[in-house]
Amino acid sequence: MSIYLIRHAPTYANTCGKMVKNYNSYDIYPFDKRVVLDKIITPTTCLSYSDIFISKTNRAKQTAEALFPKANGYKVLKELNEFDCSRIGDKAFWEMSEEDFNKQSGLTGKKIRNGVEKLLNKLSKLEKKYGEDIICIGHGLKFRAVLRYCKIASYGIRPEPKDFNPYRLINSMDEQIRNLDTLKIDLGHRTYKVIKRSEKFNPETHDTIKQ
């Protein structure tokens, strides 16, 4: 079984580098759902869409509804909520120094690692309960941290807090997960793969959603 962690569709906050808390401040830009589905639906994919798991934000729910309009339901999973960096205010994170970002965001490596482990533990329980692939819609920094965790854990090592420097993680090209990219993980086999959104249907053109 696999877990598909899909980052929500772009919002205005993403284009300006604002670190939005788990509030419903922004709606997603319209997009063509083939930008995701053409990349993750293959002859070996077994997605049931019985329930789609989302964070508590509108942008996650809107993305889920656009991608999987026939799902049985959209269940909020608190472990999918984004790490809260909203204390940096209206500053763009890429314009900040490492020292300023780490100090003002209030994030620590320990908080990030613990948040990832809580999410992975929850997903493991859902796999056992549902007995099928799991689809989740969530956020960039959280999924970057999951990817970093999976890379280290694949060697049979538990990551340490120092592996999750907040500033370096959010700016890392090695853990880049763009809006509408998918992180596919297999907890049992400790494997992972980043599935990049299709550039054939670029979401940044704000095309009308095709249902």
Protein backbone atom coordinates (compact mmCIF):
# COMPACT_ATOMS: atom_id res chain seq x y z
CA MET A 1 0.00 0.00 0.00
CA SER A 2 1.11 3.55 -0.67
CA ILE A 3 0.41 6.94 0.84
CA TYR A 4 0.03 9.92 -1.47
CA LEU A 5 0.80 13.29 0.12
CA ILE A 6 -0.33 15.98 -2.32
CA ARG A 7 0.57 19.60 -1.65
CA HIS A 8 -2.41 21.92 -2.07
CA ALA A 9 -2.91 24.07 -5.17
CA PRO A 10 -1.26 27.51 -5.34
CA THR A 11 -2.66 30.51 -3.49
CA TYR A 12 -1.69 34.16 -3.41
CA ALA A 13 0.37 33.49 -0.28
CA ASN A 14 2.54 31.04 -2.19
CA THR A 15 3.37 33.58 -4.87
CA CYS A 16 4.58 36.18 -2.36
CA GLY A 17 6.33 33.92 0.15
CA LYS A 18 3.96 34.57 3.06
CA MET A 19 3.91 31.96 5.79
CA VAL A 20 0.20 31.54 6.40
CA LYS A 21 -1.01 29.88 9.57
CA ASN A 22 -3.65 27.15 9.46
CA TYR A 23 -6.31 29.76 8.76
CA ASN A 24 -8.56 30.17 5.74
CA SER A 25 -7.11 33.44 4.51
CA TYR A 26 -6.67 32.45 0.87
CA ASP A 27 -8.50 30.44 -1.79
CA ILE A 28 -6.64 28.34 -4.34
CA TYR A 29 -6.12 29.43 -7.91
CA PRO A 30 -8.16 27.34 -10.38
CA PHE A 31 -6.17 24.53 -12.03
CA ASP A 32 -6.55 21.58 -14.36
CA LYS A 33 -6.66 18.43 -12.24
CA ARG A 34 -4.70 16.51 -14.89
CA VAL A 35 -1.65 18.36 -13.59
CA VAL A 36 -1.70 15.85 -10.70
CA LEU A 37 -3.75 12.87 -11.85
CA ASP A 38 -1.86 12.33 -15.12
CA LYS A 39 1.25 11.78 -13.01
CA ILE A 40 -0.07 9.53 -10.23
CA ILE A 41 -2.71 7.43 -12.02
CA THR A 42 -0.97 4.46 -13.65
CA PRO A 43 -2.00 0.87 -14.46
CA THR A 44 -0.67 -0.20 -11.03
CA THR A 45 -2.32 2.57 -9.02
CA CYS A 46 -5.09 1.36 -6.70
CA LEU A 47 -6.79 4.48 -5.37
CA SER A 48 -10.26 3.96 -3.94
CA TYR A 49 -11.03 7.59 -3.07
CA SER A 50 -13.26 6.33 -0.26
CA ASP A 51 -12.06 9.15 1.99
CA ILE A 52 -9.60 11.93 1.28
CA PHE A 53 -7.67 13.21 4.28
CA ILE A 54 -7.02 16.94 4.47
CA SER A 55 -5.70 19.62 6.80
CA LYS A 56 -8.25 21.98 8.33
CA THR A 57 -7.68 24.74 5.76
CA ASN A 58 -9.96 25.76 2.90
CA ARG A 59 -7.04 25.52 0.47
CA ALA A 60 -6.60 21.83 1.29
CA LYS A 61 -10.31 21.09 1.01
CA GLN A 62 -10.66 23.05 -2.23
CA THR A 63 -7.77 21.09 -3.73
CA ALA A 64 -9.29 17.78 -2.64
CA GLU A 65 -12.69 18.68 -4.09
CA ALA A 66 -11.12 19.71 -7.40
CA LEU A 67 -9.01 16.56 -7.70
CA PHE A 68 -11.44 13.99 -6.29
CA PRO A 69 -15.00 15.32 -6.64
CA LYS A 70 -16.50 11.81 -6.27
CA ALA A 71 -14.82 10.97 -2.98
CA ASN A 72 -17.08 9.71 -0.19
CA GLY A 73 -15.85 12.45 2.11
CA TYR A 74 -13.06 14.79 3.10
CA LYS A 75 -11.83 14.04 6.60
CA VAL A 76 -9.78 16.58 8.53
CA LEU A 77 -6.58 15.17 9.98
CA LYS A 78 -4.97 17.57 12.44
CA GLU A 79 -1.58 15.96 11.87
CA LEU A 80 -1.66 17.32 8.30
CA ASN A 81 -1.82 20.94 9.49
CA GLU A 82 1.14 23.08 8.49
CA PHE A 83 3.89 24.05 10.90
CA ASP A 84 3.05 27.52 12.14
CA CYS A 85 5.55 30.10 10.85
CA SER A 86 3.07 32.98 10.79
CA ARG A 87 5.03 34.86 13.44
CA ILE A 88 7.35 36.16 10.72
CA GLY A 89 4.48 38.43 9.66
CA ASP A 90 4.35 39.77 6.11
CA LYS A 91 8.00 39.04 5.37
CA ALA A 92 8.85 36.70 2.51
CA PHE A 93 10.82 33.81 3.98
CA TRP A 94 13.33 33.84 1.12
CA GLU A 95 14.30 37.41 1.98
CA MET A 96 15.21 36.52 5.58
CA SER A 97 18.51 35.36 7.03
CA GLU A 98 18.75 31.92 8.61
CA GLU A 99 19.15 33.43 12.07
CA ASP A 100 16.16 35.76 11.71
CA PHE A 101 13.85 33.12 10.25
CA ASN A 102 14.64 30.48 12.86
CA LYS A 103 14.28 32.99 15.68
CA GLN A 104 11.12 34.71 14.50
CA SER A 105 9.27 31.63 13.24
CA GLY A 106 9.46 29.92 16.62
CA LEU A 107 10.12 26.58 14.94
CA THR A 108 12.77 24.15 16.15
CA GLY A 109 14.15 20.93 14.75
CA LYS A 110 12.55 19.03 17.63
CA LYS A 111 9.10 20.46 16.89
CA ILE A 112 9.43 19.56 13.24
CA ARG A 113 10.65 16.01 13.86
CA ASN A 114 7.93 15.38 16.42
CA GLY A 115 5.29 16.73 14.04
CA VAL A 116 6.46 14.42 11.27
CA GLU A 117 6.48 11.38 13.55
CA LYS A 118 2.96 12.10 14.74
CA LEU A 119 1.80 12.30 11.12
CA LEU A 120 3.57 9.08 10.08
CA ASN A 121 2.21 7.21 13.10
CA LYS A 122 -1.31 8.36 12.24
CA LEU A 123 -0.92 7.37 8.59
CA SER A 124 0.31 3.93 9.63
CA LYS A 125 -2.85 3.42 11.70
CA LEU A 126 -5.04 4.58 8.80
CA GLU A 127 -3.35 2.11 6.45
CA LYS A 128 -4.20 -0.73 8.81
CA LYS A 129 -7.76 0.51 9.26
CA TYR A 130 -8.57 1.08 5.59
CA GLY A 131 -6.37 -1.58 4.00
CA GLU A 132 -5.83 0.52 0.91
CA ASP A 133 -3.85 3.42 -0.48
CA ILE A 134 -4.27 6.67 1.44
CA ILE A 135 -4.59 10.12 -0.16
CA CYS A 136 -3.80 13.26 1.81
CA ILE A 137 -3.84 16.95 0.92
CA GLY A 138 -1.54 19.15 2.96
CA HIS A 139 1.25 21.67 3.02
CA GLY A 140 4.73 22.38 1.76
CA LEU A 141 6.91 22.65 4.84
CA LYS A 142 5.26 19.67 6.51
CA PHE A 143 5.76 17.50 3.42
CA ARG A 144 9.35 18.70 2.95
CA ALA A 145 9.99 17.56 6.52
CA VAL A 146 8.36 14.18 5.80
CA LEU A 147 10.62 13.76 2.78
CA ARG A 148 13.72 14.61 4.82
CA TYR A 149 12.60 12.14 7.49
CA CYS A 150 12.01 9.37 4.95
CA LYS A 151 15.43 9.86 3.36
CA ILE A 152 17.21 9.40 6.69
CA ALA A 153 14.90 6.65 8.00
CA SER A 154 15.47 4.61 4.82
CA TYR A 155 18.90 3.80 6.26
CA GLY A 156 17.34 2.43 9.44
CA ILE A 157 18.22 5.55 11.42
CA ARG A 158 15.85 7.73 13.42
CA PRO A 159 16.43 11.35 12.32
CA GLU A 160 17.65 13.79 14.95
CA PRO A 161 16.29 17.30 15.62
CA LYS A 162 19.45 18.80 14.09
CA ASP A 163 18.41 17.27 10.76
CA PHE A 164 15.43 19.67 10.60
CA ASN A 165 16.86 23.19 10.60
CA PRO A 166 13.70 25.18 9.72
CA TYR A 167 15.36 27.75 7.45
CA ARG A 168 17.48 25.24 5.57
CA LEU A 169 14.53 22.89 5.17
CA ILE A 170 12.19 25.46 3.69
CA ASN A 171 14.88 26.65 1.26
CA SER A 172 16.28 23.23 0.37
CA MET A 173 16.22 22.25 -3.29
CA ASP A 174 16.80 18.61 -2.27
CA GLU A 175 13.42 18.50 -0.51
CA GLN A 176 11.53 20.74 -2.90
CA ILE A 177 7.82 19.94 -3.12
CA ARG A 178 5.94 22.48 -5.20
CA ASN A 179 2.24 23.15 -5.12
CA LEU A 180 0.46 20.10 -6.56
CA ASP A 181 3.55 17.89 -6.39
CA THR A 182 3.01 14.51 -4.70
CA LEU A 183 5.18 12.69 -2.18
CA LYS A 184 4.47 8.95 -2.47
CA ILE A 185 5.66 6.89 0.47
CA ASP A 186 5.54 3.21 1.40
CA LEU A 187 5.87 2.92 5.17
CA GLY A 188 6.35 -0.85 5.15
CA HIS A 189 9.25 -0.82 2.70
CA ARG A 190 10.64 2.59 3.75
CA THR A 191 10.53 3.84 0.18
CA TYR A 192 9.60 7.28 -1.09
CA LYS A 193 9.28 9.16 -4.36
CA VAL A 194 8.48 12.76 -5.30
CA ILE A 195 6.09 12.86 -8.25
CA LYS A 196 6.36 16.24 -9.91
CA ARG A 197 3.19 17.85 -11.24
CA SER A 198 2.76 17.73 -14.99
CA GLU A 199 4.06 20.81 -16.73
CA LYS A 200 1.70 20.08 -19.62
CA PHE A 201 -1.08 21.70 -17.60
CA ASN A 202 0.77 24.43 -15.72
CA PRO A 203 -1.26 25.48 -12.64
CA GLU A 204 0.39 28.89 -12.68
CA THR A 205 -1.60 29.76 -15.81
CA HIS A 206 -4.71 29.56 -13.59
CA ASP A 207 -6.62 27.45 -16.10
CA THR A 208 -10.22 26.62 -15.35
CA ILE A 209 -10.66 23.41 -13.37
CA LYS A 210 -11.69 20.56 -15.64
CA GLN A 211 -14.13 18.22 -13.95
